[in-house]
Amino acid sequence: MAKKSKNSRIVYSTNPDYKLDNEEEEMETLPPEQQSIEVYLDRKNRGGKTATLLKGFVGSNADLETLGKKLKSACGVGGSAKDGEIIIQGENRDKVMELLKKDGYKVKRVGG
């Protein structure tokens, strides 16, 4: 369950410049040429199943989810995009790296 902030009781404010403390500023997404994404294979906490993990994306959550959706559909598998990471089910590291390079991202292979 989500924690309630100290301002959770505010319903309405007449101050036009008022912002809640827990509102996050949306990050500006860098162009692909300035992005450096690391691609891992991961088996930890997944019941022995392999997943392809992407870290290092700098941008908004909407753009992260859009990129994740594009990669998942290109690989034909499921996955998720949250907390600045994209998880693609299965061992699709090489295919994901090719797709990212075609889009202009700097891609680094991490691990064996």
N, C-alpha and C. Protein backbone atom coordinates (compact mmCIF):
# COMPACT_ATOMS: atom_id res chain seq x y z
N MET A 1 0.81 -1.17 0.00
CA MET A 1 0.00 0.00 0.00
C MET A 1 0.87 1.25 0.00
N ALA A 2 0.44 2.28 -0.69
CA ALA A 2 1.22 3.51 -0.78
C ALA A 2 1.19 4.27 0.53
N LYS A 3 2.31 4.91 0.84
CA LYS A 3 2.37 5.71 2.05
C LYS A 3 1.70 7.05 1.79
N LYS A 4 1.03 7.57 2.80
CA LYS A 4 0.39 8.87 2.68
C LYS A 4 1.38 9.94 3.08
N SER A 5 1.41 11.02 2.31
CA SER A 5 2.30 12.11 2.63
C SER A 5 1.65 13.00 3.69
N LYS A 6 2.43 13.91 4.24
CA LYS A 6 1.91 14.79 5.27
C LYS A 6 0.86 15.74 4.71
N ASN A 7 0.82 15.96 3.39
CA ASN A 7 -0.14 16.86 2.77
C ASN A 7 -1.33 16.11 2.17
N SER A 8 -1.56 14.89 2.56
CA SER A 8 -2.60 14.09 1.92
C SER A 8 -4.00 14.58 2.25
N ARG A 9 -4.14 15.46 3.21
CA ARG A 9 -5.47 15.93 3.59
C ARG A 9 -5.88 17.18 2.84
N ILE A 10 -4.99 17.80 2.08
CA ILE A 10 -5.33 19.01 1.34
C ILE A 10 -6.23 18.63 0.18
N VAL A 11 -7.38 19.30 0.13
CA VAL A 11 -8.35 19.03 -0.91
C VAL A 11 -8.32 20.13 -1.96
N TYR A 12 -8.17 21.37 -1.51
CA TYR A 12 -8.21 22.50 -2.43
C TYR A 12 -7.37 23.63 -1.88
N SER A 13 -6.66 24.33 -2.73
CA SER A 13 -5.88 25.48 -2.33
C SER A 13 -6.20 26.63 -3.26
N THR A 14 -6.32 27.85 -2.70
CA THR A 14 -6.61 29.02 -3.51
C THR A 14 -5.34 29.63 -4.08
N ASN A 15 -4.17 29.16 -3.65
CA ASN A 15 -2.90 29.67 -4.13
C ASN A 15 -2.61 29.05 -5.51
N PRO A 16 -2.52 29.86 -6.58
CA PRO A 16 -2.29 29.28 -7.91
C PRO A 16 -0.90 28.67 -8.07
N ASP A 17 0.07 29.05 -7.23
CA ASP A 17 1.43 28.53 -7.33
C ASP A 17 1.69 27.36 -6.39
N TYR A 18 0.67 26.87 -5.69
CA TYR A 18 0.86 25.81 -4.71
C TYR A 18 1.14 24.48 -5.38
N LYS A 19 2.16 23.78 -4.87
CA LYS A 19 2.47 22.43 -5.34
C LYS A 19 2.63 21.54 -4.13
N LEU A 20 2.13 20.33 -4.25
CA LEU A 20 2.35 19.35 -3.21
C LEU A 20 3.82 18.94 -3.21
N ASP A 21 4.33 18.57 -2.04
CA ASP A 21 5.74 18.19 -1.93
C ASP A 21 6.05 16.90 -2.68
N ASN A 22 5.07 16.01 -2.80
CA ASN A 22 5.34 14.72 -3.41
C ASN A 22 5.17 14.70 -4.92
N GLU A 23 4.84 15.84 -5.54
CA GLU A 23 4.75 15.88 -6.99
C GLU A 23 6.15 15.87 -7.58
N GLU A 24 6.37 14.99 -8.52
CA GLU A 24 7.69 14.87 -9.13
C GLU A 24 7.70 15.62 -10.46
N GLU A 25 8.80 16.27 -10.73
CA GLU A 25 8.99 16.94 -12.01
C GLU A 25 9.26 15.86 -13.05
N GLU A 26 8.66 15.98 -14.20
CA GLU A 26 8.86 15.02 -15.28
C GLU A 26 10.21 15.30 -15.93
N MET A 27 11.03 14.26 -16.03
CA MET A 27 12.36 14.41 -16.63
C MET A 27 12.23 14.60 -18.13
N GLU A 28 13.13 15.40 -18.70
CA GLU A 28 13.16 15.58 -20.13
C GLU A 28 13.95 14.43 -20.74
N THR A 29 13.39 13.82 -21.76
CA THR A 29 14.04 12.68 -22.40
C THR A 29 15.16 13.14 -23.32
N LEU A 30 16.33 12.57 -23.11
CA LEU A 30 17.47 12.88 -23.96
C LEU A 30 17.30 12.22 -25.32
N PRO A 31 17.86 12.80 -26.38
CA PRO A 31 17.80 12.14 -27.69
C PRO A 31 18.60 10.84 -27.67
N PRO A 32 18.26 9.89 -28.54
CA PRO A 32 18.94 8.59 -28.52
C PRO A 32 20.46 8.67 -28.63
N GLU A 33 20.99 9.65 -29.35
CA GLU A 33 22.44 9.76 -29.53
C GLU A 33 23.15 10.05 -28.21
N GLN A 34 22.44 10.66 -27.25
CA GLN A 34 23.04 11.02 -25.97
C GLN A 34 22.76 9.99 -24.88
N GLN A 35 21.98 8.98 -25.20
CA GLN A 35 21.64 7.94 -24.23
C GLN A 35 22.71 6.85 -24.25
N SER A 36 23.00 6.31 -23.08
CA SER A 36 23.92 5.18 -22.96
C SER A 36 23.20 4.09 -22.16
N ILE A 37 22.78 3.05 -22.84
CA ILE A 37 21.98 2.00 -22.21
C ILE A 37 22.81 0.74 -22.04
N GLU A 38 22.72 0.15 -20.85
CA GLU A 38 23.43 -1.10 -20.55
C GLU A 38 22.42 -2.25 -20.63
N VAL A 39 22.82 -3.34 -21.27
CA VAL A 39 21.94 -4.49 -21.47
C VAL A 39 22.54 -5.69 -20.73
N TYR A 40 21.76 -6.27 -19.81
CA TYR A 40 22.18 -7.39 -18.97
C TYR A 40 21.30 -8.61 -19.25
N LEU A 41 21.81 -9.78 -18.89
CA LEU A 41 20.98 -10.98 -18.75
C LEU A 41 20.87 -11.23 -17.26
N ASP A 42 19.67 -11.51 -16.78
CA ASP A 42 19.45 -11.63 -15.35
C ASP A 42 18.60 -12.86 -15.06
N ARG A 43 18.98 -13.62 -14.02
CA ARG A 43 18.23 -14.79 -13.59
C ARG A 43 17.81 -14.70 -12.13
N LYS A 44 18.27 -13.69 -11.43
CA LYS A 44 18.02 -13.58 -9.99
C LYS A 44 16.56 -13.22 -9.72
N ASN A 45 15.99 -13.86 -8.73
CA ASN A 45 14.62 -13.62 -8.27
C ASN A 45 13.58 -13.80 -9.37
N ARG A 46 13.84 -14.69 -10.31
CA ARG A 46 12.89 -14.92 -11.39
C ARG A 46 12.55 -16.40 -11.56
N GLY A 47 12.77 -17.17 -10.54
CA GLY A 47 12.44 -18.58 -10.59
C GLY A 47 13.28 -19.36 -11.58
N GLY A 48 14.52 -18.94 -11.82
CA GLY A 48 15.40 -19.64 -12.74
C GLY A 48 15.22 -19.24 -14.19
N LYS A 49 14.23 -18.42 -14.49
CA LYS A 49 14.00 -17.99 -15.86
C LYS A 49 14.90 -16.80 -16.19
N THR A 50 15.30 -16.70 -17.44
CA THR A 50 16.19 -15.64 -17.88
C THR A 50 15.39 -14.44 -18.35
N ALA A 51 15.90 -13.24 -18.04
CA ALA A 51 15.28 -12.01 -18.51
C ALA A 51 16.38 -11.08 -19.00
N THR A 52 16.05 -10.26 -19.99
CA THR A 52 16.96 -9.25 -20.51
C THR A 52 16.61 -7.94 -19.81
N LEU A 53 17.61 -7.31 -19.21
CA LEU A 53 17.40 -6.13 -18.38
C LEU A 53 18.14 -4.94 -18.99
N LEU A 54 17.44 -3.81 -19.17
CA LEU A 54 18.04 -2.60 -19.72
C LEU A 54 18.06 -1.52 -18.66
N LYS A 55 19.23 -0.92 -18.43
CA LYS A 55 19.37 0.15 -17.45
C LYS A 55 20.05 1.34 -18.11
N GLY A 56 19.82 2.53 -17.54
CA GLY A 56 20.53 3.71 -18.00
C GLY A 56 19.70 4.64 -18.87
N PHE A 57 18.42 4.36 -19.07
CA PHE A 57 17.57 5.24 -19.87
C PHE A 57 17.30 6.52 -19.09
N VAL A 58 17.51 7.66 -19.72
CA VAL A 58 17.25 8.96 -19.08
C VAL A 58 16.08 9.60 -19.79
N GLY A 59 14.96 9.74 -19.05
CA GLY A 59 13.79 10.36 -19.67
C GLY A 59 12.54 10.13 -18.85
N SER A 60 11.43 10.50 -19.42
CA SER A 60 10.14 10.40 -18.74
C SER A 60 9.67 8.95 -18.70
N ASN A 61 8.77 8.68 -17.77
CA ASN A 61 8.22 7.32 -17.66
C ASN A 61 7.42 6.94 -18.90
N ALA A 62 6.75 7.92 -19.51
CA ALA A 62 5.97 7.63 -20.72
C ALA A 62 6.88 7.18 -21.86
N ASP A 63 8.03 7.85 -22.01
CA ASP A 63 8.97 7.46 -23.07
C ASP A 63 9.61 6.11 -22.76
N LEU A 64 9.86 5.84 -21.48
CA LEU A 64 10.41 4.55 -21.07
C LEU A 64 9.43 3.43 -21.41
N GLU A 65 8.15 3.64 -21.12
CA GLU A 65 7.14 2.63 -21.42
C GLU A 65 6.97 2.45 -22.93
N THR A 66 7.08 3.54 -23.69
CA THR A 66 6.97 3.45 -25.14
C THR A 66 8.11 2.62 -25.72
N LEU A 67 9.33 2.89 -25.26
CA LEU A 67 10.49 2.11 -25.73
C LEU A 67 10.35 0.65 -25.32
N GLY A 68 9.91 0.41 -24.08
CA GLY A 68 9.70 -0.97 -23.62
C GLY A 68 8.68 -1.71 -24.46
N LYS A 69 7.58 -1.03 -24.78
CA LYS A 69 6.54 -1.65 -25.59
C LYS A 69 7.05 -2.00 -26.99
N LYS A 70 7.86 -1.09 -27.55
CA LYS A 70 8.42 -1.32 -28.88
C LYS A 70 9.35 -2.54 -28.87
N LEU A 71 10.20 -2.63 -27.85
CA LEU A 71 11.14 -3.75 -27.76
C LEU A 71 10.42 -5.07 -27.51
N LYS A 72 9.41 -5.05 -26.64
CA LYS A 72 8.66 -6.27 -26.34
C LYS A 72 7.93 -6.78 -27.58
N SER A 73 7.33 -5.88 -28.35
CA SER A 73 6.60 -6.33 -29.53
C SER A 73 7.55 -6.82 -30.62
N ALA A 74 8.74 -6.20 -30.72
CA ALA A 74 9.71 -6.64 -31.72
C ALA A 74 10.25 -8.03 -31.38
N CYS A 75 10.39 -8.33 -30.09
CA CYS A 75 10.89 -9.64 -29.66
C CYS A 75 9.77 -10.67 -29.55
N GLY A 76 8.53 -10.21 -29.50
CA GLY A 76 7.39 -11.12 -29.39
C GLY A 76 7.25 -11.75 -28.02
N VAL A 77 7.65 -11.00 -26.98
CA VAL A 77 7.58 -11.52 -25.61
C VAL A 77 6.98 -10.46 -24.70
N GLY A 78 6.80 -10.81 -23.44
CA GLY A 78 6.28 -9.88 -22.44
C GLY A 78 7.41 -9.20 -21.71
N GLY A 79 7.02 -8.39 -20.75
CA GLY A 79 8.00 -7.69 -19.93
C GLY A 79 7.37 -6.51 -19.23
N SER A 80 8.21 -5.63 -18.70
CA SER A 80 7.70 -4.45 -18.02
C SER A 80 8.72 -3.32 -18.12
N ALA A 81 8.23 -2.11 -17.86
CA ALA A 81 9.08 -0.93 -17.87
C ALA A 81 8.70 -0.08 -16.67
N LYS A 82 9.60 -0.02 -15.68
CA LYS A 82 9.32 0.78 -14.49
C LYS A 82 10.62 1.06 -13.75
N ASP A 83 10.61 2.09 -12.93
CA ASP A 83 11.77 2.47 -12.11
C ASP A 83 13.04 2.68 -12.93
N GLY A 84 12.90 3.18 -14.15
CA GLY A 84 14.07 3.44 -14.98
C GLY A 84 14.68 2.21 -15.63
N GLU A 85 14.00 1.07 -15.54
CA GLU A 85 14.49 -0.18 -16.12
C GLU A 85 13.45 -0.77 -17.07
N ILE A 86 13.93 -1.49 -18.05
CA ILE A 86 13.05 -2.25 -18.94
C ILE A 86 13.44 -3.71 -18.80
N ILE A 87 12.44 -4.55 -18.53
CA ILE A 87 12.67 -5.99 -18.39
C ILE A 87 11.96 -6.68 -19.55
N ILE A 88 12.73 -7.44 -20.34
CA ILE A 88 12.19 -8.22 -21.46
C ILE A 88 12.35 -9.68 -21.11
N GLN A 89 11.25 -10.44 -21.19
CA GLN A 89 11.31 -11.85 -20.85
C GLN A 89 12.15 -12.61 -21.86
N GLY A 90 12.95 -13.54 -21.36
CA GLY A 90 13.75 -14.41 -22.22
C GLY A 90 15.13 -13.86 -22.50
N GLU A 91 15.88 -14.64 -23.24
CA GLU A 91 17.26 -14.30 -23.57
C GLU A 91 17.30 -13.60 -24.93
N ASN A 92 16.98 -12.30 -24.93
CA ASN A 92 16.88 -11.53 -26.16
C ASN A 92 17.89 -10.39 -26.23
N ARG A 93 19.02 -10.55 -25.56
CA ARG A 93 19.99 -9.46 -25.45
C ARG A 93 20.50 -9.01 -26.82
N ASP A 94 20.88 -9.93 -27.68
CA ASP A 94 21.45 -9.57 -28.98
C ASP A 94 20.41 -8.86 -29.86
N LYS A 95 19.19 -9.35 -29.86
CA LYS A 95 18.14 -8.74 -30.67
C LYS A 95 17.81 -7.34 -30.17
N VAL A 96 17.75 -7.16 -28.84
CA VAL A 96 17.46 -5.86 -28.25
C VAL A 96 18.59 -4.88 -28.57
N MET A 97 19.82 -5.34 -28.50
CA MET A 97 20.96 -4.47 -28.80
C MET A 97 20.93 -4.01 -30.25
N GLU A 98 20.59 -4.89 -31.18
CA GLU A 98 20.47 -4.51 -32.59
C GLU A 98 19.40 -3.46 -32.80
N LEU A 99 18.23 -3.65 -32.17
CA LEU A 99 17.13 -2.70 -32.32
C LEU A 99 17.50 -1.33 -31.77
N LEU A 100 18.17 -1.31 -30.62
CA LEU A 100 18.56 -0.04 -30.03
C LEU A 100 19.62 0.68 -30.87
N LYS A 101 20.56 -0.08 -31.43
CA LYS A 101 21.59 0.52 -32.28
C LYS A 101 20.98 1.12 -33.54
N LYS A 102 19.96 0.45 -34.11
CA LYS A 102 19.28 0.98 -35.30
C LYS A 102 18.60 2.31 -34.98
N ASP A 103 18.10 2.46 -33.76
CA ASP A 103 17.43 3.69 -33.35
C ASP A 103 18.40 4.78 -32.94
N GLY A 104 19.71 4.47 -32.88
CA GLY A 104 20.71 5.48 -32.59
C GLY A 104 21.19 5.52 -31.15
N TYR A 105 20.79 4.58 -30.33
CA TYR A 105 21.24 4.54 -28.92
C TYR A 105 22.64 3.98 -28.83
N LYS A 106 23.40 4.44 -27.83
CA LYS A 106 24.68 3.84 -27.51
C LYS A 106 24.40 2.67 -26.58
N VAL A 107 24.79 1.48 -26.98
CA VAL A 107 24.44 0.27 -26.23
C VAL A 107 25.71 -0.40 -25.75
N LYS A 108 25.70 -0.83 -24.48
CA LYS A 108 26.83 -1.52 -23.90
C LYS A 108 26.36 -2.88 -23.38
N ARG A 109 27.06 -3.92 -23.79
CA ARG A 109 26.75 -5.27 -23.32
C ARG A 109 27.47 -5.49 -21.99
N VAL A 110 26.71 -5.86 -20.97
CA VAL A 110 27.28 -6.05 -19.64
C VAL A 110 27.10 -7.51 -19.24
N GLY A 111 28.14 -8.11 -18.71
CA GLY A 111 28.07 -9.51 -18.29
C GLY A 111 28.50 -10.43 -19.41
N GLY A 112 28.49 -11.74 -19.10
CA GLY A 112 28.98 -12.76 -20.02
C GLY A 112 28.20 -12.87 -21.21
